[in-house]
Amino acid sequence: MMLDDAQIDRLFHALADATRRDIVRRTVEGELSVTALAEGYPISFAAVQKHVAVLERVGLVTKSRHGRELRVRSELQSVERARHALDELAEAWQGRVQRMSDLLDTPTDTTTGE
């Protein structure tokens, strides 16, 4: 699924915070409760809930209720979309570098200045 610019902005805004990136990283390995997540940060439980909510809005994580627990897990497809968006940027830059390299490798005629 291709993302439009607004979706990419929201996705990278969500990933721009170190705590949110860590939540995604920790929940890739398996579901964790919000309580277990909160124990790993020097911030309040409410702050962790807000980070999870930001990630959930862009689809990077999902929450599910198991009894009294809210469990969080990463959504691989959204992580793949972020990677794809970065790959597109990398390809654009690699193309630009290759074109500059090709231009520099083009022999010039020093007698005519061309």
PDB file of N, CA and C in Angstrom:
ATOM      1  N   MET A   1       0.835  -1.179   0.000  1.00  0.00           N
ATOM      2  CA  MET A   1       0.000   0.000   0.000  1.00  0.00           C
ATOM      3  C   MET A   1       0.880   1.244   0.000  1.00  0.00           C
ATOM      4  N   MET A   2       0.688   2.101  -0.943  1.00  0.00           N
ATOM      5  CA  MET A   2       1.435   3.347  -1.030  1.00  0.00           C
ATOM      6  C   MET A   2       0.820   4.356  -0.063  1.00  0.00           C
ATOM      7  N   LEU A   3       1.662   5.148   0.528  1.00  0.00           N
ATOM      8  CA  LEU A   3       1.203   6.176   1.441  1.00  0.00           C
ATOM      9  C   LEU A   3       1.272   7.525   0.753  1.00  0.00           C
ATOM     10  N   ASP A   4       0.294   8.384   1.062  1.00  0.00           N
ATOM     11  CA  ASP A   4       0.391   9.744   0.535  1.00  0.00           C
ATOM     12  C   ASP A   4       1.280  10.566   1.473  1.00  0.00           C
ATOM     13  N   ASP A   5       1.591  11.782   1.077  1.00  0.00           N
ATOM     14  CA  ASP A   5       2.509  12.607   1.865  1.00  0.00           C
ATOM     15  C   ASP A   5       2.003  12.846   3.286  1.00  0.00           C
ATOM     16  N   ALA A   6       0.700  13.070   3.443  1.00  0.00           N
ATOM     17  CA  ALA A   6       0.155  13.320   4.785  1.00  0.00           C
ATOM     18  C   ALA A   6       0.326  12.092   5.679  1.00  0.00           C
ATOM     19  N   GLN A   7       0.118  10.911   5.118  1.00  0.00           N
ATOM     20  CA  GLN A   7       0.292   9.681   5.895  1.00  0.00           C
ATOM     21  C   GLN A   7       1.761   9.483   6.276  1.00  0.00           C
ATOM     22  N   ILE A   8       2.645   9.777   5.341  1.00  0.00           N
ATOM     23  CA  ILE A   8       4.083   9.658   5.630  1.00  0.00           C
ATOM     24  C   ILE A   8       4.470  10.653   6.719  1.00  0.00           C
ATOM     25  N   ASP A   9       3.929  11.880   6.649  1.00  0.00           N
ATOM     26  CA  ASP A   9       4.218  12.876   7.691  1.00  0.00           C
ATOM     27  C   ASP A   9       3.792  12.356   9.061  1.00  0.00           C
ATOM     28  N   ARG A  10       2.600  11.804   9.158  1.00  0.00           N
ATOM     29  CA  ARG A  10       2.102  11.304  10.441  1.00  0.00           C
ATOM     30  C   ARG A  10       2.937  10.120  10.937  1.00  0.00           C
ATOM     31  N   LEU A  11       3.301   9.253  10.014  1.00  0.00           N
ATOM     32  CA  LEU A  11       4.100   8.087  10.369  1.00  0.00           C
ATOM     33  C   LEU A  11       5.457   8.507  10.944  1.00  0.00           C
ATOM     34  N   PHE A  12       6.129   9.429  10.263  1.00  0.00           N
ATOM     35  CA  PHE A  12       7.445   9.839  10.742  1.00  0.00           C
ATOM     36  C   PHE A  12       7.359  10.772  11.939  1.00  0.00           C
ATOM     37  N   HIS A  13       6.267  11.504  12.067  1.00  0.00           N
ATOM     38  CA  HIS A  13       6.060  12.283  13.290  1.00  0.00           C
ATOM     39  C   HIS A  13       5.981  11.325  14.477  1.00  0.00           C
ATOM     40  N   ALA A  14       5.247  10.248  14.310  1.00  0.00           N
ATOM     41  CA  ALA A  14       5.126   9.265  15.388  1.00  0.00           C
ATOM     42  C   ALA A  14       6.480   8.640  15.711  1.00  0.00           C
ATOM     43  N   LEU A  15       7.289   8.415  14.714  1.00  0.00           N
ATOM     44  CA  LEU A  15       8.592   7.775  14.929  1.00  0.00           C
ATOM     45  C   LEU A  15       9.687   8.767  15.318  1.00  0.00           C
ATOM     46  N   ALA A  16       9.357  10.051  15.336  1.00  0.00           N
ATOM     47  CA  ALA A  16      10.358  11.065  15.650  1.00  0.00           C
ATOM     48  C   ALA A  16      10.709  11.099  17.133  1.00  0.00           C
ATOM     49  N   ASP A  17       9.971  10.404  17.955  1.00  0.00           N
ATOM     50  CA  ASP A  17      10.198  10.403  19.394  1.00  0.00           C
ATOM     51  C   ASP A  17      10.897   9.098  19.806  1.00  0.00           C
ATOM     52  N   ALA A  18      11.958   9.211  20.582  1.00  0.00           N
ATOM     53  CA  ALA A  18      12.746   8.031  20.976  1.00  0.00           C
ATOM     54  C   ALA A  18      11.919   7.032  21.797  1.00  0.00           C
ATOM     55  N   THR A  19      11.060   7.525  22.659  1.00  0.00           N
ATOM     56  CA  THR A  19      10.237   6.608  23.461  1.00  0.00           C
ATOM     57  C   THR A  19       9.291   5.825  22.562  1.00  0.00           C
ATOM     58  N   ARG A  20       8.703   6.499  21.601  1.00  0.00           N
ATOM     59  CA  ARG A  20       7.772   5.793  20.692  1.00  0.00           C
ATOM     60  C   ARG A  20       8.517   4.765  19.843  1.00  0.00           C
ATOM     61  N   ARG A  21       9.711   5.127  19.367  1.00  0.00           N
ATOM     62  CA  ARG A  21      10.492   4.130  18.604  1.00  0.00           C
ATOM     63  C   ARG A  21      10.820   2.934  19.481  1.00  0.00           C
ATOM     64  N   ASP A  22      11.127   3.194  20.742  1.00  0.00           N
ATOM     65  CA  ASP A  22      11.446   2.091  21.644  1.00  0.00           C
ATOM     66  C   ASP A  22      10.218   1.224  21.911  1.00  0.00           C
ATOM     67  N   ILE A  23       9.057   1.835  22.025  1.00  0.00           N
ATOM     68  CA  ILE A  23       7.828   1.048  22.213  1.00  0.00           C
ATOM     69  C   ILE A  23       7.613   0.128  21.015  1.00  0.00           C
ATOM     70  N   VAL A  24       7.803   0.660  19.817  1.00  0.00           N
ATOM     71  CA  VAL A  24       7.656  -0.187  18.617  1.00  0.00           C
ATOM     72  C   VAL A  24       8.673  -1.327  18.666  1.00  0.00           C
ATOM     73  N   ARG A  25       9.914  -0.986  18.992  1.00  0.00           N
ATOM     74  CA  ARG A  25      10.980  -1.999  19.038  1.00  0.00           C
ATOM     75  C   ARG A  25      10.669  -3.077  20.089  1.00  0.00           C
ATOM     76  N   ARG A  26      10.223  -2.655  21.262  1.00  0.00           N
ATOM     77  CA  ARG A  26       9.948  -3.630  22.322  1.00  0.00           C
ATOM     78  C   ARG A  26       8.759  -4.517  21.995  1.00  0.00           C
ATOM     79  N   THR A  27       7.774  -3.978  21.305  1.00  0.00           N
ATOM     80  CA  THR A  27       6.583  -4.774  21.025  1.00  0.00           C
ATOM     81  C   THR A  27       6.703  -5.599  19.752  1.00  0.00           C
ATOM     82  N   VAL A  28       7.794  -5.424  19.019  1.00  0.00           N
ATOM     83  CA  VAL A  28       8.053  -6.303  17.870  1.00  0.00           C
ATOM     84  C   VAL A  28       8.327  -7.714  18.371  1.00  0.00           C
ATOM     85  N   GLU A  29       8.986  -7.783  19.510  1.00  0.00           N
ATOM     86  CA  GLU A  29       9.360  -9.090  20.055  1.00  0.00           C
ATOM     87  C   GLU A  29       8.184  -9.833  20.661  1.00  0.00           C
ATOM     88  N   GLY A  30       7.080  -9.166  20.864  1.00  0.00           N
ATOM     89  CA  GLY A  30       5.902  -9.798  21.421  1.00  0.00           C
ATOM     90  C   GLY A  30       5.023  -8.773  22.105  1.00  0.00           C
ATOM     91  N   GLU A  31       3.788  -9.158  22.329  1.00  0.00           N
ATOM     92  CA  GLU A  31       2.848  -8.252  22.986  1.00  0.00           C
ATOM     93  C   GLU A  31       3.322  -7.921  24.391  1.00  0.00           C
ATOM     94  N   LEU A  32       3.131  -6.671  24.759  1.00  0.00           N
ATOM     95  CA  LEU A  32       3.414  -6.226  26.119  1.00  0.00           C
ATOM     96  C   LEU A  32       2.228  -5.419  26.607  1.00  0.00           C
ATOM     97  N   SER A  33       1.939  -5.525  27.882  1.00  0.00           N
ATOM     98  CA  SER A  33       0.883  -4.694  28.440  1.00  0.00           C
ATOM     99  C   SER A  33       1.394  -3.257  28.555  1.00  0.00           C
ATOM    100  N   VAL A  34       0.458  -2.330  28.578  1.00  0.00           N
ATOM    101  CA  VAL A  34       0.848  -0.930  28.748  1.00  0.00           C
ATOM    102  C   VAL A  34       1.571  -0.769  30.088  1.00  0.00           C
ATOM    103  N   THR A  35       1.127  -1.512  31.082  1.00  0.00           N
ATOM    104  CA  THR A  35       1.779  -1.467  32.396  1.00  0.00           C
ATOM    105  C   THR A  35       3.240  -1.927  32.300  1.00  0.00           C
ATOM    106  N   ALA A  36       3.480  -3.024  31.595  1.00  0.00           N
ATOM    107  CA  ALA A  36       4.849  -3.516  31.431  1.00  0.00           C
ATOM    108  C   ALA A  36       5.689  -2.521  30.642  1.00  0.00           C
ATOM    109  N   LEU A  37       5.083  -1.908  29.635  1.00  0.00           N
ATOM    110  CA  LEU A  37       5.819  -0.890  28.873  1.00  0.00           C
ATOM    111  C   LEU A  37       6.203   0.271  29.776  1.00  0.00           C
ATOM    112  N   ALA A  38       5.236   0.728  30.577  1.00  0.00           N
ATOM    113  CA  ALA A  38       5.468   1.900  31.424  1.00  0.00           C
ATOM    114  C   ALA A  38       6.582   1.667  32.435  1.00  0.00           C
ATOM    115  N   GLU A  39       6.776   0.420  32.851  1.00  0.00           N
ATOM    116  CA  GLU A  39       7.820   0.119  33.834  1.00  0.00           C
ATOM    117  C   GLU A  39       9.219   0.359  33.273  1.00  0.00           C
ATOM    118  N   GLY A  40       9.337   0.422  31.957  1.00  0.00           N
ATOM    119  CA  GLY A  40      10.651   0.599  31.351  1.00  0.00           C
ATOM    120  C   GLY A  40      11.059   2.032  31.104  1.00  0.00           C
ATOM    121  N   TYR A  41      10.221   2.994  31.477  1.00  0.00           N
ATOM    122  CA  TYR A  41      10.535   4.397  31.186  1.00  0.00           C
ATOM    123  C   TYR A  41      10.420   5.256  32.437  1.00  0.00           C
ATOM    124  N   PRO A  42      11.231   6.301  32.484  1.00  0.00           N
ATOM    125  CA  PRO A  42      11.157   7.202  33.642  1.00  0.00           C
ATOM    126  C   PRO A  42      10.082   8.278  33.460  1.00  0.00           C
ATOM    127  N   ILE A  43       8.971   7.888  32.885  1.00  0.00           N
ATOM    128  CA  ILE A  43       7.853   8.812  32.659  1.00  0.00           C
ATOM    129  C   ILE A  43       6.603   8.156  33.228  1.00  0.00           C
ATOM    130  N   SER A  44       5.548   8.939  33.344  1.00  0.00           N
ATOM    131  CA  SER A  44       4.328   8.434  33.962  1.00  0.00           C
ATOM    132  C   SER A  44       3.621   7.411  33.073  1.00  0.00           C
ATOM    133  N   PHE A  45       2.778   6.622  33.709  1.00  0.00           N
ATOM    134  CA  PHE A  45       1.952   5.662  32.972  1.00  0.00           C
ATOM    135  C   PHE A  45       1.098   6.394  31.937  1.00  0.00           C
ATOM    136  N   ALA A  46       0.544   7.536  32.332  1.00  0.00           N
ATOM    137  CA  ALA A  46      -0.302   8.317  31.410  1.00  0.00           C
ATOM    138  C   ALA A  46       0.491   8.774  30.188  1.00  0.00           C
ATOM    139  N   ALA A  47       1.748   9.154  30.407  1.00  0.00           N
ATOM    140  CA  ALA A  47       2.587   9.589  29.282  1.00  0.00           C
ATOM    141  C   ALA A  47       2.840   8.427  28.327  1.00  0.00           C
ATOM    142  N   VAL A  48       3.068   7.246  28.884  1.00  0.00           N
ATOM    143  CA  VAL A  48       3.276   6.065  28.023  1.00  0.00           C
ATOM    144  C   VAL A  48       1.993   5.765  27.244  1.00  0.00           C
ATOM    145  N   GLN A  49       0.851   5.897  27.914  1.00  0.00           N
ATOM    146  CA  GLN A  49      -0.419   5.683  27.212  1.00  0.00           C
ATOM    147  C   GLN A  49      -0.566   6.651  26.042  1.00  0.00           C
ATOM    148  N   LYS A  50      -0.153   7.892  26.246  1.00  0.00           N
ATOM    149  CA  LYS A  50      -0.238   8.883  25.159  1.00  0.00           C
ATOM    150  C   LYS A  50       0.679   8.509  24.001  1.00  0.00           C
ATOM    151  N   HIS A  51       1.875   8.039  24.324  1.00  0.00           N
ATOM    152  CA  HIS A  51       2.785   7.601  23.253  1.00  0.00           C
ATOM    153  C   HIS A  51       2.162   6.429  22.479  1.00  0.00           C
ATOM    154  N   VAL A  52       1.594   5.497  23.204  1.00  0.00           N
ATOM    155  CA  VAL A  52       0.958   4.349  22.548  1.00  0.00           C
ATOM    156  C   VAL A  52      -0.200   4.821  21.667  1.00  0.00           C
ATOM    157  N   ALA A  53      -0.956   5.801  22.149  1.00  0.00           N
ATOM    158  CA  ALA A  53      -2.084   6.316  21.362  1.00  0.00           C
ATOM    159  C   ALA A  53      -1.602   6.948  20.052  1.00  0.00           C
ATOM    160  N   VAL A  54      -0.493   7.680  20.118  1.00  0.00           N
ATOM    161  CA  VAL A  54       0.065   8.284  18.892  1.00  0.00           C
ATOM    162  C   VAL A  54       0.453   7.186  17.912  1.00  0.00           C
ATOM    163  N   LEU A  55       1.107   6.152  18.417  1.00  0.00           N
ATOM    164  CA  LEU A  55       1.528   5.042  17.549  1.00  0.00           C
ATOM    165  C   LEU A  55       0.323   4.291  16.984  1.00  0.00           C
ATOM    166  N   GLU A  56      -0.701   4.158  17.792  1.00  0.00           N
ATOM    167  CA  GLU A  56      -1.902   3.439  17.346  1.00  0.00           C
ATOM    168  C   GLU A  56      -2.636   4.212  16.242  1.00  0.00           C
ATOM    169  N   ARG A  57      -2.668   5.539  16.364  1.00  0.00           N
ATOM    170  CA  ARG A  57      -3.361   6.357  15.344  1.00  0.00           C
ATOM    171  C   ARG A  57      -2.762   6.177  13.956  1.00  0.00           C
ATOM    172  N   VAL A  58      -1.461   5.947  13.874  1.00  0.00           N
ATOM    173  CA  VAL A  58      -0.827   5.782  12.555  1.00  0.00           C
ATOM    174  C   VAL A  58      -0.665   4.314  12.192  1.00  0.00           C
ATOM    175  N   GLY A  59      -1.156   3.429  13.053  1.00  0.00           N
ATOM    176  CA  GLY A  59      -1.151   2.006  12.731  1.00  0.00           C
ATOM    177  C   GLY A  59       0.142   1.280  13.024  1.00  0.00           C
ATOM    178  N   LEU A  60       1.068   1.928  13.746  1.00  0.00           N
ATOM    179  CA  LEU A  60       2.336   1.256  14.061  1.00  0.00           C
ATOM    180  C   LEU A  60       2.175   0.212  15.153  1.00  0.00           C
ATOM    181  N   VAL A  61       1.158   0.382  15.997  1.00  0.00           N
ATOM    182  CA  VAL A  61       0.851  -0.620  17.014  1.00  0.00           C
ATOM    183  C   VAL A  61      -0.662  -0.788  17.078  1.00  0.00           C
ATOM    184  N   THR A  62      -1.075  -1.909  17.625  1.00  0.00           N
ATOM    185  CA  THR A  62      -2.485  -2.113  17.941  1.00  0.00           C
ATOM    186  C   THR A  62      -2.578  -2.505  19.406  1.00  0.00           C
ATOM    187  N   LYS A  63      -3.730  -2.207  19.974  1.00  0.00           N
ATOM    188  CA  LYS A  63      -3.973  -2.586  21.364  1.00  0.00           C
ATOM    189  C   LYS A  63      -5.107  -3.595  21.371  1.00  0.00           C
ATOM    190  N   SER A  64      -5.032  -4.527  22.290  1.00  0.00           N
ATOM    191  CA  SER A  64      -6.131  -5.468  22.485  1.00  0.00           C
ATOM    192  C   SER A  64      -6.294  -5.700  23.980  1.00  0.00           C
ATOM    193  N   ARG A  65      -7.520  -5.917  24.369  1.00  0.00           N
ATOM    194  CA  ARG A  65      -7.805  -6.115  25.788  1.00  0.00           C
ATOM    195  C   ARG A  65      -7.777  -7.602  26.100  1.00  0.00           C
ATOM    196  N   HIS A  66      -7.053  -7.933  27.153  1.00  0.00           N
ATOM    197  CA  HIS A  66      -6.985  -9.301  27.662  1.00  0.00           C
ATOM    198  C   HIS A  66      -7.298  -9.204  29.149  1.00  0.00           C
ATOM    199  N   GLY A  67      -8.556  -9.439  29.480  1.00  0.00           N
ATOM    200  CA  GLY A  67      -8.968  -9.258  30.872  1.00  0.00           C
ATOM    201  C   GLY A  67      -8.872  -7.791  31.235  1.00  0.00           C
ATOM    202  N   ARG A  68      -8.098  -7.513  32.250  1.00  0.00           N
ATOM    203  CA  ARG A  68      -7.940  -6.126  32.692  1.00  0.00           C
ATOM    204  C   ARG A  68      -6.759  -5.437  32.023  1.00  0.00           C
ATOM    205  N   GLU A  69      -6.008  -6.185  31.246  1.00  0.00           N
ATOM    206  CA  GLU A  69      -4.802  -5.641  30.613  1.00  0.00           C
ATOM    207  C   GLU A  69      -5.076  -5.146  29.203  1.00  0.00           C
ATOM    208  N   LEU A  70      -4.412  -4.068  28.871  1.00  0.00           N
ATOM    209  CA  LEU A  70      -4.361  -3.615  27.478  1.00  0.00           C
ATOM    210  C   LEU A  70      -2.994  -4.006  26.955  1.00  0.00           C
ATOM    211  N   ARG A  71      -2.979  -4.855  25.956  1.00  0.00           N
ATOM    212  CA  ARG A  71      -1.703  -5.300  25.399  1.00  0.00           C
ATOM    213  C   ARG A  71      -1.432  -4.588  24.080  1.00  0.00           C
ATOM    214  N   VAL A  72      -0.184  -4.302  23.864  1.00  0.00           N
ATOM    215  CA  VAL A  72       0.266  -3.552  22.694  1.00  0.00           C
ATOM    216  C   VAL A  72       1.164  -4.445  21.866  1.00  0.00           C
ATOM    217  N   ARG A  73       0.964  -4.396  20.576  1.00  0.00           N
ATOM    218  CA  ARG A  73       1.888  -5.121  19.697  1.00  0.00           C
ATOM    219  C   ARG A  73       2.148  -4.286  18.451  1.00  0.00           C
ATOM    220  N   SER A  74       3.330  -4.449  17.901  1.00  0.00           N
ATOM    221  CA  SER A  74       3.709  -3.727  16.678  1.00  0.00           C
ATOM    222  C   SER A  74       3.003  -4.331  15.488  1.00  0.00           C
ATOM    223  N   GLU A  75       2.728  -3.490  14.530  1.00  0.00           N
ATOM    224  CA  GLU A  75       2.116  -3.939  13.280  1.00  0.00           C
ATOM    225  C   GLU A  75       3.182  -3.924  12.192  1.00  0.00           C
ATOM    226  N   LEU A  76       3.587  -5.099  11.797  1.00  0.00           N
ATOM    227  CA  LEU A  76       4.674  -5.245  10.835  1.00  0.00           C
ATOM    228  C   LEU A  76       4.403  -4.488   9.534  1.00  0.00           C
ATOM    229  N   GLN A  77       3.168  -4.504   9.065  1.00  0.00           N
ATOM    230  CA  GLN A  77       2.865  -3.833   7.794  1.00  0.00           C
ATOM    231  C   GLN A  77       3.161  -2.338   7.867  1.00  0.00           C
ATOM    232  N   SER A  78       2.851  -1.701   8.985  1.00  0.00           N
ATOM    233  CA  SER A  78       3.121  -0.269   9.109  1.00  0.00           C
ATOM    234  C   SER A  78       4.609   0.002   9.203  1.00  0.00           C
ATOM    235  N   VAL A  79       5.329  -0.871   9.889  1.00  0.00           N
ATOM    236  CA  VAL A  79       6.780  -0.724   9.963  1.00  0.00           C
ATOM    237  C   VAL A  79       7.366  -0.879   8.559  1.00  0.00           C
ATOM    238  N   GLU A  80       6.825  -1.830   7.801  1.00  0.00           N
ATOM    239  CA  GLU A  80       7.279  -2.025   6.417  1.00  0.00           C
ATOM    240  C   GLU A  80       6.979  -0.790   5.560  1.00  0.00           C
ATOM    241  N   ARG A  81       5.845  -0.138   5.795  1.00  0.00           N
ATOM    242  CA  ARG A  81       5.512   1.077   5.042  1.00  0.00           C
ATOM    243  C   ARG A  81       6.523   2.185   5.333  1.00  0.00           C
ATOM    244  N   ALA A  82       6.912   2.305   6.584  1.00  0.00           N
ATOM    245  CA  ALA A  82       7.922   3.310   6.951  1.00  0.00           C
ATOM    246  C   ALA A  82       9.239   2.992   6.247  1.00  0.00           C
ATOM    247  N   ARG A  83       9.611   1.727   6.259  1.00  0.00           N
ATOM    248  CA  ARG A  83      10.859   1.321   5.590  1.00  0.00           C
ATOM    249  C   ARG A  83      10.780   1.600   4.098  1.00  0.00           C
ATOM    250  N   HIS A  84       9.627   1.318   3.498  1.00  0.00           N
ATOM    251  CA  HIS A  84       9.446   1.559   2.072  1.00  0.00           C
ATOM    252  C   HIS A  84       9.589   3.053   1.748  1.00  0.00           C
ATOM    253  N   ALA A  85       9.009   3.896   2.598  1.00  0.00           N
ATOM    254  CA  ALA A  85       9.116   5.346   2.376  1.00  0.00           C
ATOM    255  C   ALA A  85      10.576   5.783   2.451  1.00  0.00           C
ATOM    256  N   LEU A  86      11.339   5.231   3.394  1.00  0.00           N
ATOM    257  CA  LEU A  86      12.763   5.554   3.493  1.00  0.00           C
ATOM    258  C   LEU A  86      13.541   5.011   2.299  1.00  0.00           C
ATOM    259  N   ASP A  87      13.167   3.810   1.840  1.00  0.00           N
ATOM    260  CA  ASP A  87      13.834   3.236   0.662  1.00  0.00           C
ATOM    261  C   ASP A  87      13.635   4.139  -0.563  1.00  0.00           C
ATOM    262  N   GLU A  88      12.430   4.693  -0.705  1.00  0.00           N
ATOM    263  CA  GLU A  88      12.173   5.586  -1.844  1.00  0.00           C
ATOM    264  C   GLU A  88      13.063   6.823  -1.777  1.00  0.00           C
ATOM    265  N   LEU A  89      13.224   7.378  -0.575  1.00  0.00           N
ATOM    266  CA  LEU A  89      14.110   8.537  -0.419  1.00  0.00           C
ATOM    267  C   LEU A  89      15.552   8.163  -0.719  1.00  0.00           C
ATOM    268  N   ALA A  90      15.977   6.995  -0.250  1.00  0.00           N
ATOM    269  CA  ALA A  90      17.356   6.544  -0.495  1.00  0.00           C
ATOM    270  C   ALA A  90      17.595   6.348  -1.991  1.00  0.00           C
ATOM    271  N   GLU A  91      16.615   5.761  -2.680  1.00  0.00           N
ATOM    272  CA  GLU A  91      16.755   5.563  -4.128  1.00  0.00           C
ATOM    273  C   GLU A  91      16.849   6.891  -4.859  1.00  0.00           C
ATOM    274  N   ALA A  92      16.065   7.869  -4.441  1.00  0.00           N
ATOM    275  CA  ALA A  92      16.122   9.185  -5.077  1.00  0.00           C
ATOM    276  C   ALA A  92      17.510   9.802  -4.895  1.00  0.00           C
ATOM    277  N   TRP A  93      18.074   9.689  -3.687  1.00  0.00           N
ATOM    278  CA  TRP A  93      19.407  10.235  -3.448  1.00  0.00           C
ATOM    279  C   TRP A  93      20.474   9.456  -4.192  1.00  0.00           C
ATOM    280  N   GLN A  94      20.353   8.143  -4.236  1.00  0.00           N
ATOM    281  CA  GLN A  94      21.332   7.341  -4.970  1.00  0.00           C
ATOM    282  C   GLN A  94      21.297   7.690  -6.448  1.00  0.00           C
ATOM    283  N   GLY A  95      20.116   7.943  -6.991  1.00  0.00           N
ATOM    284  CA  GLY A  95      19.991   8.352  -8.390  1.00  0.00           C
ATOM    285  C   GLY A  95      20.665   9.691  -8.629  1.00  0.00           C
ATOM    286  N   ARG A  96      20.475  10.610  -7.682  1.00  0.00           N
ATOM    287  CA  ARG A  96      21.087  11.933  -7.808  1.00  0.00           C
ATOM    288  C   ARG A  96      22.611  11.818  -7.758  1.00  0.00           C
ATOM    289  N   VAL A  97      23.129  11.016  -6.840  1.00  0.00           N
ATOM    290  CA  VAL A  97      24.579  10.834  -6.716  1.00  0.00           C
ATOM    291  C   VAL A  97      25.130  10.172  -7.974  1.00  0.00           C
ATOM    292  N   GLN A  98      24.395   9.194  -8.516  1.00  0.00           N
ATOM    293  CA  GLN A  98      24.859   8.506  -9.726  1.00  0.00           C
ATOM    294  C   GLN A  98      24.898   9.466 -10.909  1.00  0.00           C
ATOM    295  N   ARG A  99      23.887  10.316 -11.034  1.00  0.00           N
ATOM    296  CA  ARG A  99      23.881  11.288 -12.136  1.00  0.00           C
ATOM    297  C   ARG A  99      25.052  12.265 -12.017  1.00  0.00           C
ATOM    298  N   MET A 100      25.367  12.700 -10.790  1.00  0.00           N
ATOM    299  CA  MET A 100      26.516  13.593 -10.603  1.00  0.00           C
ATOM    300  C   MET A 100      27.812  12.861 -10.925  1.00  0.00           C
ATOM    301  N   SER A 101      27.899  11.594 -10.515  1.00  0.00           N
ATOM    302  CA  SER A 101      29.096  10.806 -10.796  1.00  0.00           C
ATOM    303  C   SER A 101      29.272  10.625 -12.301  1.00  0.00           C
ATOM    304  N   ASP A 102      28.172  10.310 -12.989  1.00  0.00           N
ATOM    305  CA  ASP A 102      28.225  10.146 -14.450  1.00  0.00           C
ATOM    306  C   ASP A 102      28.681  11.434 -15.119  1.00  0.00           C
ATOM    307  N   LEU A 103      28.170  12.559 -14.620  1.00  0.00           N
ATOM    308  CA  LEU A 103      28.539  13.852 -15.191  1.00  0.00           C
ATOM    309  C   LEU A 103      30.025  14.122 -14.984  1.00  0.00           C
ATOM    310  N   LEU A 104      30.544  13.805 -13.815  1.00  0.00           N
ATOM    311  CA  LEU A 104      31.963  14.030 -13.524  1.00  0.00           C
ATOM    312  C   LEU A 104      32.856  13.083 -14.312  1.00  0.00           C
ATOM    313  N   ASP A 105      32.354  11.885 -14.639  1.00  0.00           N
ATOM    314  CA  ASP A 105      33.135  10.918 -15.403  1.00  0.00           C
ATOM    315  C   ASP A 105      33.117  11.189 -16.900  1.00  0.00           C
ATOM    316  N   THR A 106      32.241  12.072 -17.345  1.00  0.00           N
ATOM    317  CA  THR A 106      32.155  12.380 -18.759  1.00  0.00           C
ATOM    318  C   THR A 106      33.403  13.153 -19.184  1.00  0.00           C
ATOM    319  N   PRO A 107      34.128  12.601 -20.196  1.00  0.00           N
ATOM    320  CA  PRO A 107      35.339  13.308 -20.640  1.00  0.00           C
ATOM    321  C   PRO A 107      34.978  14.665 -21.244  1.00  0.00           C
ATOM    322  N   THR A 108      35.794  15.621 -20.934  1.00  0.00           N
ATOM    323  CA  THR A 108      35.561  16.949 -21.513  1.00  0.00           C
ATOM    324  C   THR A 108      36.667  17.246 -22.513  1.00  0.00           C
ATOM    325  N   ASP A 109      36.311  17.983 -23.506  1.00  0.00           N
ATOM    326  CA  ASP A 109      37.285  18.399 -24.524  1.00  0.00           C
ATOM    327  C   ASP A 109      37.909  19.700 -24.031  1.00  0.00           C
ATOM    328  N   THR A 110      39.183  19.606 -23.624  1.00  0.00           N
ATOM    329  CA  THR A 110      39.846  20.779 -23.045  1.00  0.00           C
ATOM    330  C   THR A 110      40.202  21.833 -24.083  1.00  0.00           C
ATOM    331  N   THR A 111      40.227  21.435 -25.390  1.00  0.00           N
ATOM    332  CA  THR A 111      40.584  22.415 -26.425  1.00  0.00           C
ATOM    333  C   THR A 111      39.444  23.370 -26.713  1.00  0.00           C
ATOM    334  N   THR A 112      38.199  22.869 -26.549  1.00  0.00           N
ATOM    335  CA  THR A 112      37.059  23.745 -26.835  1.00  0.00           C
ATOM    336  C   THR A 112      36.362  24.186 -25.561  1.00  0.00           C
ATOM    337  N   GLY A 113      36.761  23.597 -24.424  1.00  0.00           N
ATOM    338  CA  GLY A 113      36.127  23.937 -23.158  1.00  0.00           C
ATOM    339  C   GLY A 113      34.818  23.221 -22.932  1.00  0.00           C
ATOM    340  N   GLU A 114      34.466  22.225 -23.740  1.00  0.00           N
ATOM    341  CA  GLU A 114      33.196  21.492 -23.592  1.00  0.00           C
ATOM    342  C   GLU A 114      33.415  20.117 -23.024  1.00  0.00           C
TER     343      GLU A 114
END
